[in-house]
Amino acid sequence: MDFSSDTSAPAHPAVIEAIGWANTGMAASYGGDDITARLREELARVLETDDFDFWMVASGTASNALALSVLCPPTGSILCHEEAHIERDERGAPEFFTGGGKLSLLPGPGAKIDAAALGAALANIDEAFVHETPAKVLSLTNLTESGCVYYPGEIARFAELAKAKGLAVHLDGARLANALVTCGATPAEMTWKAGVDAVCLGLTKAGAIGCELIILFGDTRAKFEELKARAKRAGHMPAKMRFMAAQAEAMLAGGLWLKLARQSNDAAGALAEGLVRIGGELVQPVEGNEVFVRLPDDIAAALRAKGAKFYPWPGGAYRFVCNWTTRASDVEALLKAL
């Protein structure tokens, strides 16, 4: 009954097998190997474009911070939701990697930025006012920290508003696969076709060991050499990158990452239905693999005593996360215990 996090789950067997196949003979370092070259071809197929460059790191924090470091100067700010992962869970990494870039926080239900709040923030940018820290980047998260989805049309509308004011658009896609499955969109429709300049495509939560891709699209590719330099300086230039590429290739080939996301989403849906049936109160719509539910604290404590693992969440709810290994029997066991 472990619903603590999708990062607590094991890696998919296909990933382990791919790493085994990669562990043969000599290969060029730092992404110069054949597996990384094949991965680029696979990404071009998945993303429906050749107009991109990419880098790989082991953590979501590193991917977000590095991506933002080439989009936001030290004298600029990043518009994001007040509950965004880059604000709540990354220990100041975006500010550190940008050399001083500021996070400007915006409200909105479901950890989705309110359109009116974004419009006001963009309207108030005044580059000539020396005392202000003008926004240079809009950062969105999909799934959000409350498990909600930005649909491609929403991303496109926000990106259009942001770019009209000269901002770049960053997408934190740590759970991008879960969002894609929910809305039936393609990766292209949710990223570059919607106006995203840089996406951090997460595969760790989907079933990899540790593999996050920073992908720069279109004109933003001009910053790729800077991205590599910053990655090197920050200690995020894996020498044996073939093993990261092997993970990514295994996850993307045949749409495995989406299949596994669908499994975890389905498990979350079943869990939410069961929780509601026995009196739980959902505080967010279930649009991915996370369930946010309000339970009496004594009931939650008793549930933990029976061996269940889950986290309390700001606002008085509890978060239950399903992963690619979550079985119907796991859900049934939790509901029975509850």
C-alpha atoms as a PDB file:
ATOM      1  CA  MET A   1       0.000   0.000   0.000  1.00  0.00           C
ATOM      2  CA  ASP A   2       2.772   2.410  -0.965  1.00  0.00           C
ATOM      3  CA  PHE A   3       1.195   5.505  -2.484  1.00  0.00           C
ATOM      4  CA  SER A   4       4.010   7.844  -1.412  1.00  0.00           C
ATOM      5  CA  SER A   5       5.443   8.789  -4.819  1.00  0.00           C
ATOM      6  CA  ASP A   6       5.993   7.540  -8.348  1.00  0.00           C
ATOM      7  CA  THR A   7       9.728   8.004  -7.711  1.00  0.00           C
ATOM      8  CA  SER A   8       9.490   5.214  -5.130  1.00  0.00           C
ATOM      9  CA  ALA A   9       8.619   2.715  -7.853  1.00  0.00           C
ATOM     10  CA  PRO A  10      11.159   0.395  -9.476  1.00  0.00           C
ATOM     11  CA  ALA A  11      12.408   0.904 -12.995  1.00  0.00           C
ATOM     12  CA  HIS A  12      10.607  -0.925 -15.775  1.00  0.00           C
ATOM     13  CA  PRO A  13      12.316  -4.188 -16.855  1.00  0.00           C
ATOM     14  CA  ALA A  14      12.750  -2.823 -20.386  1.00  0.00           C
ATOM     15  CA  VAL A  15      14.918  -0.055 -18.957  1.00  0.00           C
ATOM     16  CA  ILE A  16      17.100  -2.515 -17.063  1.00  0.00           C
ATOM     17  CA  GLU A  17      17.443  -4.671 -20.162  1.00  0.00           C
ATOM     18  CA  ALA A  18      18.376  -1.659 -22.297  1.00  0.00           C
ATOM     19  CA  ILE A  19      21.108  -0.660 -19.853  1.00  0.00           C
ATOM     20  CA  GLY A  20      22.439  -4.213 -20.034  1.00  0.00           C
ATOM     21  CA  TRP A  21      22.628  -4.037 -23.827  1.00  0.00           C
ATOM     22  CA  ALA A  22      24.372  -0.660 -23.559  1.00  0.00           C
ATOM     23  CA  ASN A  23      26.965  -2.099 -21.192  1.00  0.00           C
ATOM     24  CA  THR A  24      29.098  -3.603 -23.939  1.00  0.00           C
ATOM     25  CA  GLY A  25      32.418  -2.434 -25.291  1.00  0.00           C
ATOM     26  CA  MET A  26      33.723   1.086 -25.646  1.00  0.00           C
ATOM     27  CA  ALA A  27      31.626   4.111 -26.573  1.00  0.00           C
ATOM     28  CA  ALA A  28      32.303   7.812 -27.014  1.00  0.00           C
ATOM     29  CA  SER A  29      31.701   9.956 -23.923  1.00  0.00           C
ATOM     30  CA  TYR A  30      29.328  12.875 -23.274  1.00  0.00           C
ATOM     31  CA  GLY A  31      26.662  11.914 -25.784  1.00  0.00           C
ATOM     32  CA  GLY A  32      28.907  11.060 -28.718  1.00  0.00           C
ATOM     33  CA  ASP A  33      27.782   7.419 -28.701  1.00  0.00           C
ATOM     34  CA  ASP A  34      25.545   5.524 -31.105  1.00  0.00           C
ATOM     35  CA  ILE A  35      22.708   5.082 -28.603  1.00  0.00           C
ATOM     36  CA  THR A  36      22.395   8.833 -28.072  1.00  0.00           C
ATOM     37  CA  ALA A  37      22.401   9.295 -31.848  1.00  0.00           C
ATOM     38  CA  ARG A  38      19.564   6.766 -32.145  1.00  0.00           C
ATOM     39  CA  LEU A  39      17.718   8.518 -29.361  1.00  0.00           C
ATOM     40  CA  ARG A  40      17.739  11.738 -31.352  1.00  0.00           C
ATOM     41  CA  GLU A  41      16.034   9.911 -34.228  1.00  0.00           C
ATOM     42  CA  GLU A  42      13.440   8.505 -31.819  1.00  0.00           C
ATOM     43  CA  LEU A  43      12.813  11.942 -30.314  1.00  0.00           C
ATOM     44  CA  ALA A  44      12.353  13.401 -33.793  1.00  0.00           C
ATOM     45  CA  ARG A  45       9.674  10.793 -34.418  1.00  0.00           C
ATOM     46  CA  VAL A  46       7.966  11.346 -31.051  1.00  0.00           C
ATOM     47  CA  LEU A  47       8.137  15.145 -31.299  1.00  0.00           C
ATOM     48  CA  GLU A  48       7.305  15.288 -35.019  1.00  0.00           C
ATOM     49  CA  THR A  49      10.188  17.652 -35.741  1.00  0.00           C
ATOM     50  CA  ASP A  50      13.946  17.797 -36.290  1.00  0.00           C
ATOM     51  CA  ASP A  51      14.110  21.378 -35.059  1.00  0.00           C
ATOM     52  CA  PHE A  52      15.375  20.679 -31.537  1.00  0.00           C
ATOM     53  CA  ASP A  53      18.451  19.964 -29.435  1.00  0.00           C
ATOM     54  CA  PHE A  54      18.475  18.011 -26.194  1.00  0.00           C
ATOM     55  CA  TRP A  55      20.518  17.265 -23.112  1.00  0.00           C
ATOM     56  CA  MET A  56      20.035  14.624 -20.417  1.00  0.00           C
ATOM     57  CA  VAL A  57      20.384  14.829 -16.648  1.00  0.00           C
ATOM     58  CA  ALA A  58      19.423  12.555 -13.776  1.00  0.00           C
ATOM     59  CA  SER A  59      17.005  14.764 -11.834  1.00  0.00           C
ATOM     60  CA  GLY A  60      14.006  16.972 -12.473  1.00  0.00           C
ATOM     61  CA  THR A  61      15.478  19.755 -10.371  1.00  0.00           C
ATOM     62  CA  ALA A  62      18.621  19.844 -12.507  1.00  0.00           C
ATOM     63  CA  SER A  63      16.617  19.794 -15.739  1.00  0.00           C
ATOM     64  CA  ASN A  64      14.335  22.652 -14.681  1.00  0.00           C
ATOM     65  CA  ALA A  65      17.141  24.763 -13.255  1.00  0.00           C
ATOM     66  CA  LEU A  66      19.417  24.310 -16.274  1.00  0.00           C
ATOM     67  CA  ALA A  67      16.630  25.005 -18.762  1.00  0.00           C
ATOM     68  CA  LEU A  68      15.620  28.167 -16.925  1.00  0.00           C
ATOM     69  CA  SER A  69      19.248  29.292 -16.651  1.00  0.00           C
ATOM     70  CA  VAL A  70      19.470  29.759 -20.422  1.00  0.00           C
ATOM     71  CA  LEU A  71      16.058  31.444 -20.650  1.00  0.00           C
ATOM     72  CA  CYS A  72      16.232  33.904 -17.764  1.00  0.00           C
ATOM     73  CA  PRO A  73      19.068  36.382 -17.121  1.00  0.00           C
ATOM     74  CA  PRO A  74      20.187  37.158 -13.536  1.00  0.00           C
ATOM     75  CA  THR A  75      18.308  40.463 -13.733  1.00  0.00           C
ATOM     76  CA  GLY A  76      15.005  38.926 -14.835  1.00  0.00           C
ATOM     77  CA  SER A  77      12.167  36.974 -13.275  1.00  0.00           C
ATOM     78  CA  ILE A  78      10.227  33.793 -13.992  1.00  0.00           C
ATOM     79  CA  LEU A  79       6.452  33.813 -13.794  1.00  0.00           C
ATOM     80  CA  CYS A  80       5.179  30.575 -12.252  1.00  0.00           C
ATOM     81  CA  HIS A  81       2.402  29.296 -10.016  1.00  0.00           C
ATOM     82  CA  GLU A  82       2.862  29.824  -6.295  1.00  0.00           C
ATOM     83  CA  GLU A  83       2.733  26.027  -5.823  1.00  0.00           C
ATOM     84  CA  ALA A  84       5.018  25.152  -8.743  1.00  0.00           C
ATOM     85  CA  HIS A  85       7.723  22.564  -8.160  1.00  0.00           C
ATOM     86  CA  ILE A  86      10.406  25.134  -8.973  1.00  0.00           C
ATOM     87  CA  GLU A  87       9.062  27.252  -6.085  1.00  0.00           C
ATOM     88  CA  ARG A  88       8.114  24.646  -3.473  1.00  0.00           C
ATOM     89  CA  ASP A  89      10.512  21.757  -3.957  1.00  0.00           C
ATOM     90  CA  GLU A  90      13.812  22.762  -5.548  1.00  0.00           C
ATOM     91  CA  ARG A  91      15.636  24.555  -2.718  1.00  0.00           C
ATOM     92  CA  GLY A  92      16.291  27.692  -4.740  1.00  0.00           C
ATOM     93  CA  ALA A  93      17.936  25.788  -7.614  1.00  0.00           C
ATOM     94  CA  PRO A  94      16.380  27.978 -10.358  1.00  0.00           C
ATOM     95  CA  GLU A  95      17.595  31.132  -8.613  1.00  0.00           C
ATOM     96  CA  PHE A  96      21.021  29.559  -8.063  1.00  0.00           C
ATOM     97  CA  PHE A  97      21.471  28.296 -11.631  1.00  0.00           C
ATOM     98  CA  THR A  98      20.252  31.552 -13.205  1.00  0.00           C
ATOM     99  CA  GLY A  99      22.639  33.516 -11.003  1.00  0.00           C
ATOM    100  CA  GLY A 100      19.872  35.511  -9.361  1.00  0.00           C
ATOM    101  CA  GLY A 101      16.755  35.183 -11.487  1.00  0.00           C
ATOM    102  CA  LYS A 102      13.673  35.779  -9.360  1.00  0.00           C
ATOM    103  CA  LEU A 103      10.527  33.660  -9.180  1.00  0.00           C
ATOM    104  CA  SER A 104       7.374  35.788  -9.466  1.00  0.00           C
ATOM    105  CA  LEU A 105       4.477  33.787  -8.055  1.00  0.00           C
ATOM    106  CA  LEU A 106       0.949  33.732  -9.440  1.00  0.00           C
ATOM    107  CA  PRO A 107      -2.251  32.231  -7.979  1.00  0.00           C
ATOM    108  CA  GLY A 108      -4.833  29.880  -9.467  1.00  0.00           C
ATOM    109  CA  PRO A 109      -6.872  26.796  -8.511  1.00  0.00           C
ATOM    110  CA  GLY A 110      -5.451  23.342  -9.061  1.00  0.00           C
ATOM    111  CA  ALA A 111      -1.930  24.839  -9.163  1.00  0.00           C
ATOM    112  CA  LYS A 112      -2.803  26.197 -12.625  1.00  0.00           C
ATOM    113  CA  ILE A 113      -2.027  29.862 -13.208  1.00  0.00           C
ATOM    114  CA  ASP A 114      -5.136  32.032 -13.260  1.00  0.00           C
ATOM    115  CA  ALA A 115      -5.491  33.657 -16.677  1.00  0.00           C
ATOM    116  CA  ALA A 116      -6.452  37.048 -15.226  1.00  0.00           C
ATOM    117  CA  ALA A 117      -3.473  36.989 -12.864  1.00  0.00           C
ATOM    118  CA  LEU A 118      -1.139  36.176 -15.754  1.00  0.00           C
ATOM    119  CA  GLY A 119      -2.636  38.958 -17.846  1.00  0.00           C
ATOM    120  CA  ALA A 120      -2.137  41.467 -15.040  1.00  0.00           C
ATOM    121  CA  ALA A 121       1.456  40.358 -14.452  1.00  0.00           C
ATOM    122  CA  LEU A 122       2.285  40.690 -18.141  1.00  0.00           C
ATOM    123  CA  ALA A 123       0.556  44.060 -18.419  1.00  0.00           C
ATOM    124  CA  ASN A 124       2.584  45.421 -15.498  1.00  0.00           C
ATOM    125  CA  ILE A 125       5.994  44.640 -16.985  1.00  0.00           C
ATOM    126  CA  ASP A 126       7.951  47.862 -17.336  1.00  0.00           C
ATOM    127  CA  GLU A 127      11.469  47.364 -18.659  1.00  0.00           C
ATOM    128  CA  ALA A 128      12.225  51.062 -18.196  1.00  0.00           C
ATOM    129  CA  PHE A 129      11.530  50.971 -14.452  1.00  0.00           C
ATOM    130  CA  VAL A 130      14.925  50.143 -12.967  1.00  0.00           C
ATOM    131  CA  HIS A 131      13.507  49.080  -9.598  1.00  0.00           C
ATOM    132  CA  GLU A 132      11.453  46.249 -11.100  1.00  0.00           C
ATOM    133  CA  THR A 133      12.592  42.726 -11.942  1.00  0.00           C
ATOM    134  CA  PRO A 134      10.936  42.262 -15.342  1.00  0.00           C
ATOM    135  CA  ALA A 135       9.573  38.850 -16.289  1.00  0.00           C
ATOM    136  CA  LYS A 136      11.563  37.008 -18.941  1.00  0.00           C
ATOM    137  CA  VAL A 137      10.076  33.508 -18.742  1.00  0.00           C
ATOM    138  CA  LEU A 138       6.690  31.902 -18.192  1.00  0.00           C
ATOM    139  CA  SER A 139       7.030  28.480 -16.553  1.00  0.00           C
ATOM    140  CA  LEU A 140       4.148  25.983 -16.591  1.00  0.00           C
ATOM    141  CA  THR A 141       3.959  22.545 -14.965  1.00  0.00           C
ATOM    142  CA  ASN A 142       2.168  19.533 -16.477  1.00  0.00           C
ATOM    143  CA  LEU A 143       0.820  17.728 -14.481  1.00  0.00           C
ATOM    144  CA  THR A 144       0.593  20.562 -11.961  1.00  0.00           C
ATOM    145  CA  GLU A 145       1.557  20.077  -8.327  1.00  0.00           C
ATOM    146  CA  SER A 146      -2.127  19.417  -7.643  1.00  0.00           C
ATOM    147  CA  GLY A 147      -2.338  16.745 -10.324  1.00  0.00           C
ATOM    148  CA  CYS A 148      -4.232  18.896 -12.818  1.00  0.00           C
ATOM    149  CA  VAL A 149      -3.688  19.208 -16.562  1.00  0.00           C
ATOM    150  CA  TYR A 150      -2.917  22.163 -18.792  1.00  0.00           C
ATOM    151  CA  TYR A 151      -4.531  21.203 -22.093  1.00  0.00           C
ATOM    152  CA  PRO A 152      -2.641  22.150 -25.278  1.00  0.00           C
ATOM    153  CA  GLY A 153      -5.094  24.959 -26.021  1.00  0.00           C
ATOM    154  CA  GLU A 154      -4.485  26.470 -22.593  1.00  0.00           C
ATOM    155  CA  ILE A 155      -0.723  26.281 -23.042  1.00  0.00           C
ATOM    156  CA  ALA A 156      -1.030  27.886 -26.476  1.00  0.00           C
ATOM    157  CA  ARG A 157      -3.132  30.772 -25.150  1.00  0.00           C
ATOM    158  CA  PHE A 158      -0.723  31.437 -22.303  1.00  0.00           C
ATOM    159  CA  ALA A 159       2.295  31.132 -24.601  1.00  0.00           C
ATOM    160  CA  GLU A 160       0.774  33.619 -27.047  1.00  0.00           C
ATOM    161  CA  LEU A 161       0.228  36.143 -24.248  1.00  0.00           C
ATOM    162  CA  ALA A 162       3.734  35.622 -22.899  1.00  0.00           C
ATOM    163  CA  LYS A 163       5.476  35.882 -26.255  1.00  0.00           C
ATOM    164  CA  ALA A 164       3.611  39.055 -27.090  1.00  0.00           C
ATOM    165  CA  LYS A 165       5.546  40.559 -24.176  1.00  0.00           C
ATOM    166  CA  GLY A 166       8.847  38.989 -25.218  1.00  0.00           C
ATOM    167  CA  LEU A 167       8.870  36.117 -22.712  1.00  0.00           C
ATOM    168  CA  ALA A 168      10.164  32.594 -23.351  1.00  0.00           C
ATOM    169  CA  VAL A 169       7.990  29.632 -22.347  1.00  0.00           C
ATOM    170  CA  HIS A 170       9.252  26.733 -20.232  1.00  0.00           C
ATOM    171  CA  LEU A 171       7.305  23.538 -19.499  1.00  0.00           C
ATOM    172  CA  ASP A 172       8.139  21.381 -16.495  1.00  0.00           C
ATOM    173  CA  GLY A 173       7.061  17.972 -17.773  1.00  0.00           C
ATOM    174  CA  ALA A 174       8.052  15.713 -14.898  1.00  0.00           C
ATOM    175  CA  ARG A 175       4.686  13.963 -15.357  1.00  0.00           C
ATOM    176  CA  LEU A 176       4.173  14.927 -18.981  1.00  0.00           C
ATOM    177  CA  ALA A 177       3.198  11.379 -19.989  1.00  0.00           C
ATOM    178  CA  ASN A 178       0.322  11.372 -17.494  1.00  0.00           C
ATOM    179  CA  ALA A 179      -0.928  14.692 -18.852  1.00  0.00           C
ATOM    180  CA  LEU A 180      -0.685  13.502 -22.459  1.00  0.00           C
ATOM    181  CA  VAL A 181      -2.682  10.360 -21.739  1.00  0.00           C
ATOM    182  CA  THR A 182      -5.409  12.341 -19.982  1.00  0.00           C
ATOM    183  CA  CYS A 183      -6.038  14.802 -22.787  1.00  0.00           C
ATOM    184  CA  GLY A 184      -5.187  12.544 -25.708  1.00  0.00           C
ATOM    185  CA  ALA A 185      -2.640  14.997 -27.096  1.00  0.00           C
ATOM    186  CA  THR A 186       0.641  14.270 -28.838  1.00  0.00           C
ATOM    187  CA  PRO A 187       3.953  15.468 -27.369  1.00  0.00           C
ATOM    188  CA  ALA A 188       4.219  17.921 -30.261  1.00  0.00           C
ATOM    189  CA  GLU A 189       0.771  19.385 -29.574  1.00  0.00           C
ATOM    190  CA  MET A 190       1.659  19.969 -25.935  1.00  0.00           C
ATOM    191  CA  THR A 191       5.111  21.461 -26.554  1.00  0.00           C
ATOM    192  CA  TRP A 192       6.486  23.260 -29.612  1.00  0.00           C
ATOM    193  CA  LYS A 193       3.175  23.404 -31.485  1.00  0.00           C
ATOM    194  CA  ALA A 194       1.693  25.165 -28.449  1.00  0.00           C
ATOM    195  CA  GLY A 195       4.535  27.698 -28.308  1.00  0.00           C
ATOM    196  CA  VAL A 196       6.822  26.025 -25.749  1.00  0.00           C
ATOM    197  CA  ASP A 197      10.488  26.974 -26.174  1.00  0.00           C
ATOM    198  CA  ALA A 198      11.986  24.502 -23.699  1.00  0.00           C
ATOM    199  CA  VAL A 199      10.469  21.384 -22.151  1.00  0.00           C
ATOM    200  CA  CYS A 200      11.871  19.227 -19.390  1.00  0.00           C
ATOM    201  CA  LEU A 201      10.550  15.836 -20.451  1.00  0.00           C
ATOM    202  CA  GLY A 202      10.527  13.591 -17.405  1.00  0.00           C
ATOM    203  CA  LEU A 203      10.944   9.836 -17.676  1.00  0.00           C
ATOM    204  CA  THR A 204      12.017   9.040 -14.111  1.00  0.00           C
ATOM    205  CA  LYS A 205       8.486   9.124 -12.686  1.00  0.00           C
ATOM    206  CA  ALA A 206       7.240   7.218 -15.730  1.00  0.00           C
ATOM    207  CA  GLY A 207       9.483   4.185 -15.158  1.00  0.00           C
ATOM    208  CA  ALA A 208      13.130   5.060 -15.823  1.00  0.00           C
ATOM    209  CA  ILE A 209      15.893   4.914 -13.209  1.00  0.00           C
ATOM    210  CA  GLY A 210      16.864   8.560 -13.548  1.00  0.00           C
ATOM    211  CA  CYS A 211      16.470  10.279 -16.898  1.00  0.00           C
ATOM    212  CA  GLU A 212      15.195  13.787 -17.627  1.00  0.00           C
ATOM    213  CA  LEU A 213      15.535  15.406 -21.048  1.00  0.00           C
ATOM    214  CA  ILE A 214      15.982  19.138 -21.564  1.00  0.00           C
ATOM    215  CA  ILE A 215      14.686  19.873 -25.065  1.00  0.00           C
ATOM    216  CA  LEU A 216      15.160  23.242 -26.764  1.00  0.00           C
ATOM    217  CA  PHE A 217      12.983  24.040 -29.783  1.00  0.00           C
ATOM    218  CA  GLY A 218      13.335  26.410 -32.723  1.00  0.00           C
ATOM    219  CA  ASP A 219      15.194  29.653 -32.125  1.00  0.00           C
ATOM    220  CA  THR A 220      15.982  28.562 -28.552  1.00  0.00           C
ATOM    221  CA  ARG A 221      18.421  26.052 -30.026  1.00  0.00           C
ATOM    222  CA  ALA A 222      20.849  28.971 -30.305  1.00  0.00           C
ATOM    223  CA  LYS A 223      21.293  28.595 -26.542  1.00  0.00           C
ATOM    224  CA  PHE A 224      22.271  24.924 -26.710  1.00  0.00           C
ATOM    225  CA  GLU A 225      26.028  25.494 -26.435  1.00  0.00           C
ATOM    226  CA  GLU A 226      25.395  27.696 -23.403  1.00  0.00           C
ATOM    227  CA  LEU A 227      23.233  24.939 -21.938  1.00  0.00           C
ATOM    228  CA  LYS A 228      26.049  22.425 -22.319  1.00  0.00           C
ATOM    229  CA  ALA A 229      28.551  24.841 -20.772  1.00  0.00           C
ATOM    230  CA  ARG A 230      26.251  25.451 -17.806  1.00  0.00           C
ATOM    231  CA  ALA A 231      25.643  21.711 -17.435  1.00  0.00           C
ATOM    232  CA  LYS A 232      29.393  21.086 -17.360  1.00  0.00           C
ATOM    233  CA  ARG A 233      30.033  23.825 -14.808  1.00  0.00           C
ATOM    234  CA  ALA A 234      27.204  22.540 -12.609  1.00  0.00           C
ATOM    235  CA  GLY A 235      28.409  18.942 -12.732  1.00  0.00           C
ATOM    236  CA  HIS A 236      25.576  17.703 -14.929  1.00  0.00           C
ATOM    237  CA  MET A 237      27.546  16.408 -17.924  1.00  0.00           C
ATOM    238  CA  PRO A 238      27.317  12.606 -17.580  1.00  0.00           C
ATOM    239  CA  ALA A 239      30.434  11.020 -19.022  1.00  0.00           C
ATOM    240  CA  LYS A 240      28.709   7.712 -19.794  1.00  0.00           C
ATOM    241  CA  MET A 241      25.631   9.292 -21.296  1.00  0.00           C
ATOM    242  CA  ARG A 242      24.875   6.156 -23.287  1.00  0.00           C
ATOM    243  CA  PHE A 243      23.260   4.677 -20.172  1.00  0.00           C
ATOM    244  CA  MET A 244      20.856   7.605 -19.887  1.00  0.00           C
ATOM    245  CA  ALA A 245      20.141   7.413 -23.609  1.00  0.00           C
ATOM    246  CA  ALA A 246      19.438   3.696 -23.259  1.00  0.00           C
ATOM    247  CA  GLN A 247      16.828   4.436 -20.592  1.00  0.00           C
ATOM    248  CA  ALA A 248      15.151   7.084 -22.734  1.00  0.00           C
ATOM    249  CA  GLU A 249      15.206   4.947 -25.853  1.00  0.00           C
ATOM    250  CA  ALA A 250      13.589   2.049 -23.993  1.00  0.00           C
ATOM    251  CA  MET A 251      10.881   4.271 -22.502  1.00  0.00           C
ATOM    252  CA  LEU A 252       9.984   6.039 -25.749  1.00  0.00           C
ATOM    253  CA  ALA A 253      10.180   3.073 -28.122  1.00  0.00           C
ATOM    254  CA  GLY A 254       6.732   1.738 -28.898  1.00  0.00           C
ATOM    255  CA  GLY A 255       5.152   4.349 -26.649  1.00  0.00           C
ATOM    256  CA  LEU A 256       6.054   2.487 -23.439  1.00  0.00           C
ATOM    257  CA  TRP A 257       6.135   5.705 -21.394  1.00  0.00           C
ATOM    258  CA  LEU A 258       2.544   6.480 -22.407  1.00  0.00           C
ATOM    259  CA  LYS A 259       1.356   2.924 -21.784  1.00  0.00           C
ATOM    260  CA  LEU A 260       2.799   3.012 -18.262  1.00  0.00           C
ATOM    261  CA  ALA A 261       1.307   6.451 -17.640  1.00  0.00           C
ATOM    262  CA  ARG A 262      -2.102   5.138 -18.668  1.00  0.00           C
ATOM    263  CA  GLN A 263      -1.752   2.311 -16.150  1.00  0.00           C
ATOM    264  CA  SER A 264      -0.928   4.701 -13.319  1.00  0.00           C
ATOM    265  CA  ASN A 265      -3.710   7.103 -14.343  1.00  0.00           C
ATOM    266  CA  ASP A 266      -6.226   4.254 -14.407  1.00  0.00           C
ATOM    267  CA  ALA A 267      -5.122   3.124 -10.954  1.00  0.00           C
ATOM    268  CA  ALA A 268      -5.567   6.663  -9.620  1.00  0.00           C
ATOM    269  CA  GLY A 269      -9.046   6.820 -11.108  1.00  0.00           C
ATOM    270  CA  ALA A 270     -10.024   3.570  -9.415  1.00  0.00           C
ATOM    271  CA  LEU A 271      -8.563   4.746  -6.124  1.00  0.00           C
ATOM    272  CA  ALA A 272     -10.411   8.068  -6.291  1.00  0.00           C
ATOM    273  CA  GLU A 273     -13.691   6.325  -7.073  1.00  0.00           C
ATOM    274  CA  GLY A 274     -13.231   4.023  -4.096  1.00  0.00           C
ATOM    275  CA  LEU A 275     -12.290   6.837  -1.733  1.00  0.00           C
ATOM    276  CA  VAL A 276     -15.366   8.823  -2.676  1.00  0.00           C
ATOM    277  CA  ARG A 277     -17.569   5.767  -2.318  1.00  0.00           C
ATOM    278  CA  ILE A 278     -16.519   5.310   1.316  1.00  0.00           C
ATOM    279  CA  GLY A 279     -16.772   8.961   2.276  1.00  0.00           C
ATOM    280  CA  GLY A 280     -13.537  10.641   1.192  1.00  0.00           C
ATOM    281  CA  GLU A 281     -13.720  14.172  -0.222  1.00  0.00           C
ATOM    282  CA  LEU A 282     -11.645  14.903  -3.315  1.00  0.00           C
ATOM    283  CA  VAL A 283     -10.136  18.385  -3.208  1.00  0.00           C
ATOM    284  CA  GLN A 284      -8.831  18.324  -6.793  1.00  0.00           C
ATOM    285  CA  PRO A 285     -10.103  16.667  -9.961  1.00  0.00           C
ATOM    286  CA  VAL A 286      -8.177  13.478 -10.715  1.00  0.00           C
ATOM    287  CA  GLU A 287      -6.562  14.190 -14.087  1.00  0.00           C
ATOM    288  CA  GLY A 288      -3.447  12.066 -13.802  1.00  0.00           C
ATOM    289  CA  ASN A 289      -1.888   9.603 -11.388  1.00  0.00           C
ATOM    290  CA  GLU A 290      -2.365  11.610  -8.179  1.00  0.00           C
ATOM    291  CA  VAL A 291      -5.330  11.713  -5.811  1.00  0.00           C
ATOM    292  CA  PHE A 292      -5.792  14.559  -3.325  1.00  0.00           C
ATOM    293  CA  VAL A 293      -8.384  13.704  -0.719  1.00  0.00           C
ATOM    294  CA  ARG A 294      -9.528  15.092   2.601  1.00  0.00           C
ATOM    295  CA  LEU A 295      -9.610  12.525   5.423  1.00  0.00           C
ATOM    296  CA  PRO A 296      -9.977  12.956   9.218  1.00  0.00           C
ATOM    297  CA  ASP A 297      -6.484  13.012  10.764  1.00  0.00           C
ATOM    298  CA  ASP A 298      -7.247  10.110  13.101  1.00  0.00           C
ATOM    299  CA  ILE A 299      -8.382   7.984  10.150  1.00  0.00           C
ATOM    300  CA  ALA A 300      -5.221   8.894   8.246  1.00  0.00           C
ATOM    301  CA  ALA A 301      -3.109   7.944  11.264  1.00  0.00           C
ATOM    302  CA  ALA A 302      -4.903   4.625  11.598  1.00  0.00           C
ATOM    303  CA  LEU A 303      -4.381   3.954   7.905  1.00  0.00           C
ATOM    304  CA  ARG A 304      -0.652   4.587   8.288  1.00  0.00           C
ATOM    305  CA  ALA A 305      -0.611   2.211  11.247  1.00  0.00           C
ATOM    306  CA  LYS A 306      -1.887  -0.492   8.898  1.00  0.00           C
ATOM    307  CA  GLY A 307       1.123   0.089   6.645  1.00  0.00           C
ATOM    308  CA  ALA A 308      -0.175   2.567   4.071  1.00  0.00           C
ATOM    309  CA  LYS A 309       2.243   5.208   2.791  1.00  0.00           C
ATOM    310  CA  PHE A 310       1.066   8.626   1.597  1.00  0.00           C
ATOM    311  CA  TYR A 311       1.781  12.278   2.340  1.00  0.00           C
ATOM    312  CA  PRO A 312      -0.107  15.126   3.998  1.00  0.00           C
ATOM    313  CA  TRP A 313      -0.523  18.076   1.635  1.00  0.00           C
ATOM    314  CA  PRO A 314      -0.785  21.837   2.221  1.00  0.00           C
ATOM    315  CA  GLY A 315      -4.390  22.854   2.748  1.00  0.00           C
ATOM    316  CA  GLY A 316      -5.363  19.855   4.846  1.00  0.00           C
ATOM    317  CA  ALA A 317      -5.572  17.146   2.193  1.00  0.00           C
ATOM    318  CA  TYR A 318      -3.591  13.953   1.733  1.00  0.00           C
ATOM    319  CA  ARG A 319      -1.832  12.971  -1.482  1.00  0.00           C
ATOM    320  CA  PHE A 320      -1.896   9.424  -2.855  1.00  0.00           C
ATOM    321  CA  VAL A 321       0.284   8.747  -5.912  1.00  0.00           C
ATOM    322  CA  CYS A 322      -0.100   5.738  -8.185  1.00  0.00           C
ATOM    323  CA  ASN A 323       2.733   4.463 -10.365  1.00  0.00           C
ATOM    324  CA  TRP A 324       3.217   2.061 -13.232  1.00  0.00           C
ATOM    325  CA  THR A 325       3.383  -0.903 -10.806  1.00  0.00           C
ATOM    326  CA  THR A 326       0.197  -0.032  -8.878  1.00  0.00           C
ATOM    327  CA  ARG A 327      -2.140  -3.018  -9.161  1.00  0.00           C
ATOM    328  CA  ALA A 328      -5.882  -3.309  -8.595  1.00  0.00           C
ATOM    329  CA  SER A 329      -5.057  -5.401  -5.536  1.00  0.00           C
ATOM    330  CA  ASP A 330      -3.011  -2.507  -4.094  1.00  0.00           C
ATOM    331  CA  VAL A 331      -5.977  -0.188  -4.454  1.00  0.00           C
ATOM    332  CA  GLU A 332      -8.335  -2.780  -3.000  1.00  0.00           C
ATOM    333  CA  ALA A 333      -6.039  -3.359  -0.020  1.00  0.00           C
ATOM    334  CA  LEU A 334      -5.935   0.352   0.776  1.00  0.00           C
ATOM    335  CA  LEU A 335      -9.700   0.724   0.526  1.00  0.00           C
ATOM    336  CA  LYS A 336     -10.236  -2.342   2.673  1.00  0.00           C
ATOM    337  CA  ALA A 337      -7.860  -0.995   5.313  1.00  0.00           C
ATOM    338  CA  LEU A 338      -9.557   2.378   5.226  1.00  0.00           C
END
